[in-house]
Amino acid sequence: GRGTAPVPATSRAPASAAATPLSPRQQEVLRLVAQGLSDKEIAAALEISESAVGKRVCRLLRRYDVPNRARLVRFAIQQGLLDYQSAAGTSDEARAAAPRA
């Protein structure tokens, strides 16, 4: 039999989801995800709970209908939700800014 056609690299997110602006907190979480930080590191940087970070990341994944963080970052850059420079910031800088336990 024939295989199925490959899934395009673009997201299946509804146009309205991409058109609706992110809140400042969502933008910050997205930026830190793009820098490769873990939920624990993001929680420390933003002074919120790790579970709150997980919920925010899950909401972003669902909102843009992407399966993982890498695809989320790719989609965000493609849609202009995240600029490459903020995504390319080093995680070492963000970790240094995070309070130590």
Protein backbone atom coordinates (compact mmCIF):
# COMPACT_ATOMS: atom_id res chain seq x y z
CA GLY A 1 0.00 0.00 0.00
CA ARG A 2 0.88 3.62 -0.20
CA GLY A 3 2.20 5.62 2.74
CA THR A 4 0.57 8.78 3.92
CA ALA A 5 1.82 12.14 2.80
CA PRO A 6 4.31 13.80 5.16
CA VAL A 7 2.92 16.33 7.57
CA PRO A 8 3.95 19.88 6.61
CA ALA A 9 6.44 21.61 8.91
CA THR A 10 4.01 24.43 9.62
CA SER A 11 1.65 24.35 12.56
CA ARG A 12 -2.04 23.60 12.28
CA ALA A 13 -2.82 26.40 14.69
CA PRO A 14 -5.99 28.35 13.97
CA ALA A 15 -5.34 31.76 12.46
CA SER A 16 -7.15 33.38 15.39
CA ALA A 17 -4.69 31.85 17.88
CA ALA A 18 -1.71 33.34 16.07
CA ALA A 19 -3.49 36.68 15.67
CA THR A 20 -4.32 37.02 19.36
CA PRO A 21 -1.40 38.68 21.15
CA LEU A 22 0.34 36.90 23.99
CA SER A 23 0.26 38.41 27.45
CA PRO A 24 3.56 39.76 28.80
CA ARG A 25 3.87 36.68 31.06
CA GLN A 26 3.23 34.31 28.13
CA GLN A 27 5.87 36.16 26.11
CA GLU A 28 8.37 35.80 28.96
CA VAL A 29 7.67 32.07 29.37
CA LEU A 30 8.01 31.57 25.61
CA ARG A 31 11.31 33.48 25.54
CA LEU A 32 12.74 31.38 28.38
CA VAL A 33 11.52 28.15 26.76
CA ALA A 34 13.30 29.28 23.58
CA GLN A 35 16.49 29.73 25.57
CA GLY A 36 16.34 26.09 26.63
CA LEU A 37 15.44 26.53 30.28
CA SER A 38 13.66 23.79 32.18
CA ASP A 39 10.37 24.40 33.98
CA LYS A 40 12.30 24.55 37.25
CA GLU A 41 14.69 27.19 35.89
CA ILE A 42 11.85 29.25 34.41
CA ALA A 43 9.98 29.05 37.72
CA ALA A 44 13.02 30.38 39.57
CA ALA A 45 13.59 33.17 37.04
CA LEU A 46 9.94 34.30 37.15
CA GLU A 47 9.42 33.60 40.86
CA ILE A 48 6.39 31.36 40.21
CA SER A 49 5.82 27.67 40.92
CA GLU A 50 7.15 24.97 38.65
CA SER A 51 3.61 23.67 38.15
CA ALA A 52 2.47 27.15 37.04
CA VAL A 53 5.23 27.12 34.42
CA GLY A 54 4.17 23.67 33.24
CA LYS A 55 0.57 24.82 32.88
CA ARG A 56 1.60 27.90 30.91
CA VAL A 57 3.79 25.85 28.58
CA CYS A 58 0.98 23.30 28.06
CA ARG A 59 -1.46 26.10 27.23
CA LEU A 60 0.98 27.50 24.64
CA LEU A 61 1.44 24.04 23.09
CA ARG A 62 -2.34 23.57 22.86
CA ARG A 63 -2.98 27.11 21.68
CA TYR A 64 -0.66 26.68 18.71
CA ASP A 65 -1.35 22.97 18.21
CA VAL A 66 2.30 21.95 18.39
CA PRO A 67 3.59 18.71 19.96
CA ASN A 68 6.66 19.94 21.82
CA ARG A 69 8.78 22.88 22.92
CA ALA A 70 11.03 22.83 19.86
CA ARG A 71 8.07 23.11 17.51
CA LEU A 72 6.59 25.83 19.73
CA VAL A 73 9.74 27.92 19.40
CA ARG A 74 9.94 27.30 15.65
CA PHE A 75 6.31 28.31 15.20
CA ALA A 76 6.74 31.40 17.38
CA ILE A 77 9.71 32.60 15.34
CA GLN A 78 7.95 31.88 12.02
CA GLN A 79 4.85 33.78 13.15
CA GLY A 80 6.82 36.73 14.52
CA LEU A 81 5.73 36.01 18.11
CA LEU A 82 9.35 35.67 19.13
CA ASP A 83 12.32 37.27 17.50
CA TYR A 84 15.40 35.20 16.81
CA GLN A 85 17.63 37.31 19.06
CA SER A 86 15.49 36.78 22.16
CA ALA A 87 15.24 33.08 21.29
CA ALA A 88 19.00 32.89 20.85
CA GLY A 89 19.78 34.40 24.26
CA THR A 90 21.92 31.98 26.19
CA SER A 91 20.37 29.93 28.91
CA ASP A 92 23.49 30.68 30.98
CA GLU A 93 22.41 34.34 31.13
CA ALA A 94 18.93 33.41 32.30
CA ARG A 95 20.28 30.90 34.80
CA ALA A 96 22.61 33.56 36.20
CA ALA A 97 19.63 35.89 36.65
CA ALA A 98 17.61 33.23 38.48
CA PRO A 99 17.73 33.39 42.27
CA ARG A 100 19.66 30.62 43.95
CA ALA A 101 17.92 28.27 46.36
